[in-house]
Structures are given as structure tokens and as C-alpha cells.
C-alpha atoms as a PDB file:
ATOM      1  CA  MET A   1       0.000   0.000   0.000  1.00  0.00           C
ATOM      2  CA  LYS A   2       2.843   2.377   0.882  1.00  0.00           C
ATOM      3  CA  ARG A   3       4.588   1.698  -2.463  1.00  0.00           C
ATOM      4  CA  SER A   4       1.365   2.540  -4.306  1.00  0.00           C
ATOM      5  CA  GLU A   5       1.118   5.881  -2.497  1.00  0.00           C
ATOM      6  CA  GLN A   6       4.759   6.612  -3.290  1.00  0.00           C
ATOM      7  CA  ALA A   7       4.211   5.677  -6.948  1.00  0.00           C
ATOM      8  CA  ASP A   8       1.276   8.112  -7.143  1.00  0.00           C
ATOM      9  CA  LEU A   9       3.429  10.904  -5.672  1.00  0.00           C
ATOM     10  CA  LEU A  10       6.279  10.215  -8.088  1.00  0.00           C
ATOM     11  CA  ARG A  11       3.902  10.061 -11.064  1.00  0.00           C
ATOM     12  CA  ALA A  12       2.448  13.472 -10.096  1.00  0.00           C
ATOM     13  CA  HIS A  13       5.962  14.913  -9.962  1.00  0.00           C
ATOM     14  CA  ILE A  14       6.870  13.398 -13.352  1.00  0.00           C
ATOM     15  CA  GLU A  15       3.765  14.916 -14.929  1.00  0.00           C
ATOM     16  CA  GLN A  16       4.660  18.391 -13.614  1.00  0.00           C
ATOM     17  CA  CYS A  17       8.335  18.230 -14.579  1.00  0.00           C
ATOM     18  CA  PRO A  18       9.167  20.466 -17.564  1.00  0.00           C
ATOM     19  CA  TYR A  19      12.405  18.577 -18.320  1.00  0.00           C
ATOM     20  CA  PRO A  20      13.250  15.158 -19.771  1.00  0.00           C
ATOM     21  CA  VAL A  21      12.963  12.574 -16.999  1.00  0.00           C
ATOM     22  CA  LEU A  22      15.128   9.643 -15.875  1.00  0.00           C
ATOM     23  CA  VAL A  23      13.762   7.433 -13.091  1.00  0.00           C
ATOM     24  CA  CYS A  24      16.167   4.844 -11.728  1.00  0.00           C
ATOM     25  CA  GLY A  25      15.614   2.597  -8.793  1.00  0.00           C
ATOM     26  CA  ASP A  26      14.756  -0.508  -6.879  1.00  0.00           C
ATOM     27  CA  PHE A  27      10.954  -0.614  -7.094  1.00  0.00           C
ATOM     28  CA  ASN A  28      10.775  -3.990  -5.291  1.00  0.00           C
ATOM     29  CA  ASP A  29       7.928  -4.865  -7.668  1.00  0.00           C
ATOM     30  CA  THR A  30       7.534  -6.682 -10.974  1.00  0.00           C
ATOM     31  CA  PRO A  31       6.641  -4.988 -14.284  1.00  0.00           C
ATOM     32  CA  TYR A  32       3.018  -6.108 -13.741  1.00  0.00           C
ATOM     33  CA  SER A  33       2.657  -4.238 -10.443  1.00  0.00           C
ATOM     34  CA  TYR A  34       0.673  -1.068  -9.806  1.00  0.00           C
ATOM     35  CA  PRO A  35       3.777   0.956  -8.796  1.00  0.00           C
ATOM     36  CA  TYR A  36       5.690   0.028 -11.976  1.00  0.00           C
ATOM     37  CA  GLN A  37       2.701   0.632 -14.265  1.00  0.00           C
ATOM     38  CA  THR A  38       1.883   3.948 -12.555  1.00  0.00           C
ATOM     39  CA  ILE A  39       5.416   5.316 -12.682  1.00  0.00           C
ATOM     40  CA  LYS A  40       6.169   4.008 -16.171  1.00  0.00           C
ATOM     41  CA  ARG A  41       2.927   5.057 -17.877  1.00  0.00           C
ATOM     42  CA  ASP A  42       4.356   7.104 -20.797  1.00  0.00           C
ATOM     43  CA  LEU A  43       8.035   6.542 -19.979  1.00  0.00           C
ATOM     44  CA  LYS A  44      10.203   4.019 -21.778  1.00  0.00           C
ATOM     45  CA  ASP A  45      11.857   1.121 -19.981  1.00  0.00           C
ATOM     46  CA  SER A  46      15.513   0.930 -20.999  1.00  0.00           C
ATOM     47  CA  PHE A  47      15.501  -2.862 -20.529  1.00  0.00           C
ATOM     48  CA  ILE A  48      12.627  -3.190 -23.009  1.00  0.00           C
ATOM     49  CA  GLU A  49      14.429  -0.801 -25.360  1.00  0.00           C
ATOM     50  CA  LYS A  50      17.848  -2.503 -25.380  1.00  0.00           C
ATOM     51  CA  GLY A  51      17.990  -5.332 -22.828  1.00  0.00           C
ATOM     52  CA  GLU A  52      18.199  -9.054 -23.515  1.00  0.00           C
ATOM     53  CA  GLY A  53      16.807 -12.151 -21.847  1.00  0.00           C
ATOM     54  CA  PHE A  54      14.713 -11.981 -18.688  1.00  0.00           C
ATOM     55  CA  GLY A  55      16.637  -9.088 -17.153  1.00  0.00           C
ATOM     56  CA  SER A  56      16.496 -10.563 -13.645  1.00  0.00           C
ATOM     57  CA  THR A  57      17.912  -8.187 -11.049  1.00  0.00           C
ATOM     58  CA  TYR A  58      16.899  -9.943  -7.813  1.00  0.00           C
ATOM     59  CA  PHE A  59      18.346 -13.353  -7.110  1.00  0.00           C
ATOM     60  CA  SER A  60      17.853 -14.139  -3.401  1.00  0.00           C
ATOM     61  CA  LEU A  61      14.825 -16.383  -3.939  1.00  0.00           C
ATOM     62  CA  PRO A  62      14.757 -19.574  -6.018  1.00  0.00           C
ATOM     63  CA  LEU A  63      12.919 -17.547  -8.683  1.00  0.00           C
ATOM     64  CA  LYS A  64      14.569 -14.542 -10.264  1.00  0.00           C
ATOM     65  CA  PHE A  65      12.721 -11.261 -10.722  1.00  0.00           C
ATOM     66  CA  ARG A  66      13.254  -7.954 -12.506  1.00  0.00           C
ATOM     67  CA  ILE A  67      12.497  -5.375  -9.822  1.00  0.00           C
ATOM     68  CA  ASP A  68      15.109  -2.678 -10.595  1.00  0.00           C
ATOM     69  CA  TYR A  69      14.471  -0.247 -13.430  1.00  0.00           C
ATOM     70  CA  ILE A  70      15.781   2.617 -15.513  1.00  0.00           C
ATOM     71  CA  LEU A  71      12.850   4.499 -17.055  1.00  0.00           C
ATOM     72  CA  HIS A  72      13.085   7.582 -19.234  1.00  0.00           C
ATOM     73  CA  SER A  73      11.069  10.072 -21.214  1.00  0.00           C
ATOM     74  CA  SER A  74      10.984   9.746 -24.996  1.00  0.00           C
ATOM     75  CA  GLU A  75      13.456  12.622 -25.433  1.00  0.00           C
ATOM     76  CA  PHE A  76      16.238  10.220 -24.462  1.00  0.00           C
ATOM     77  CA  LYS A  77      17.598   7.654 -26.882  1.00  0.00           C
ATOM     78  CA  THR A  78      18.697   4.381 -25.280  1.00  0.00           C
ATOM     79  CA  TYR A  79      21.946   3.003 -26.696  1.00  0.00           C
ATOM     80  CA  SER A  80      22.494   0.081 -24.360  1.00  0.00           C
ATOM     81  CA  PHE A  81      21.246  -1.731 -21.290  1.00  0.00           C
ATOM     82  CA  ARG A  82      22.940  -4.444 -19.314  1.00  0.00           C
ATOM     83  CA  THR A  83      22.602  -6.307 -16.057  1.00  0.00           C
ATOM     84  CA  LYS A  84      25.953  -6.931 -14.424  1.00  0.00           C
ATOM     85  CA  GLU A  85      25.952 -10.345 -12.774  1.00  0.00           C
ATOM     86  CA  VAL A  86      28.092  -9.182  -9.867  1.00  0.00           C
ATOM     87  CA  LYS A  87      26.928 -10.092  -6.367  1.00  0.00           C
ATOM     88  CA  LEU A  88      27.392  -6.820  -4.472  1.00  0.00           C
ATOM     89  CA  SER A  89      24.013  -7.200  -2.706  1.00  0.00           C
ATOM     90  CA  ASP A  90      20.872  -9.263  -3.280  1.00  0.00           C
ATOM     91  CA  HIS A  91      20.336  -7.295  -6.528  1.00  0.00           C
ATOM     92  CA  TYR A  92      22.402  -7.224  -9.668  1.00  0.00           C
ATOM     93  CA  PRO A  93      23.389  -3.693 -10.748  1.00  0.00           C
ATOM     94  CA  ILE A  94      21.963  -2.394 -14.007  1.00  0.00           C
ATOM     95  CA  GLN A  95      23.476   0.083 -16.453  1.00  0.00           C
ATOM     96  CA  SER A  96      22.190   1.996 -19.442  1.00  0.00           C
ATOM     97  CA  TRP A  97      23.661   4.566 -21.849  1.00  0.00           C
ATOM     98  CA  PHE A  98      21.553   7.435 -23.231  1.00  0.00           C
ATOM     99  CA  SER A  99      21.752  10.563 -25.323  1.00  0.00           C
ATOM    100  CA  LEU A 100      19.619  13.617 -25.801  1.00  0.00           C
ATOM    101  CA  PRO A 101      19.275  14.927 -29.376  1.00  0.00           C
END
């Protein structure tokens, strides 16, 4: 419930922002969740743009999940996305390269 409230607040801020937007973070939710769908709405997901495979970022359970994201407004062009399979925590770090025209 708290994540949903936070997603609504972030979405309101995104809609009022006059600049191109990058949203990066550990949402602790899958792409089918309310927080992800609310925040993403008209933003692009850099994994969907340039990622490969399942894009799992959380590996502490027997199942792997993608719960970390880099979202951006359409003004950005995504050149690459990768998940680094380095165990620095219970999440794999993600990286993306962008440009603005």
C-alpha cells in the first residue's frame, strides 16, 4: 500500500516536470505491479528498449525477478542496457547509456 502511495506521488511529480525525466531505482515490484505501471505510464523502460533475456535483477529467492528499473522520457535515446551479474548485494546492478538529441 505504501509503495502505491509513493508511486502516485512520483507520477504526479513526473507529470509536472518540464524537463526530460530519468527514473532509476529498486521498485521492489515486478513490471506487472501497480507501482511500476503507474510510474512508467508514458516513460520508456531501458531494458525493453535494449535489454536481452529476462533481465532478472533480484536473485535471493529460487525464482529470479526484474524489480530494478531505468525508465526515461521519450526525449532520451537508449543506446544500451545491461545487467551486471556481480553479487554486491541481493540485486544485480543495471546500467544503461543514453543521449539527448
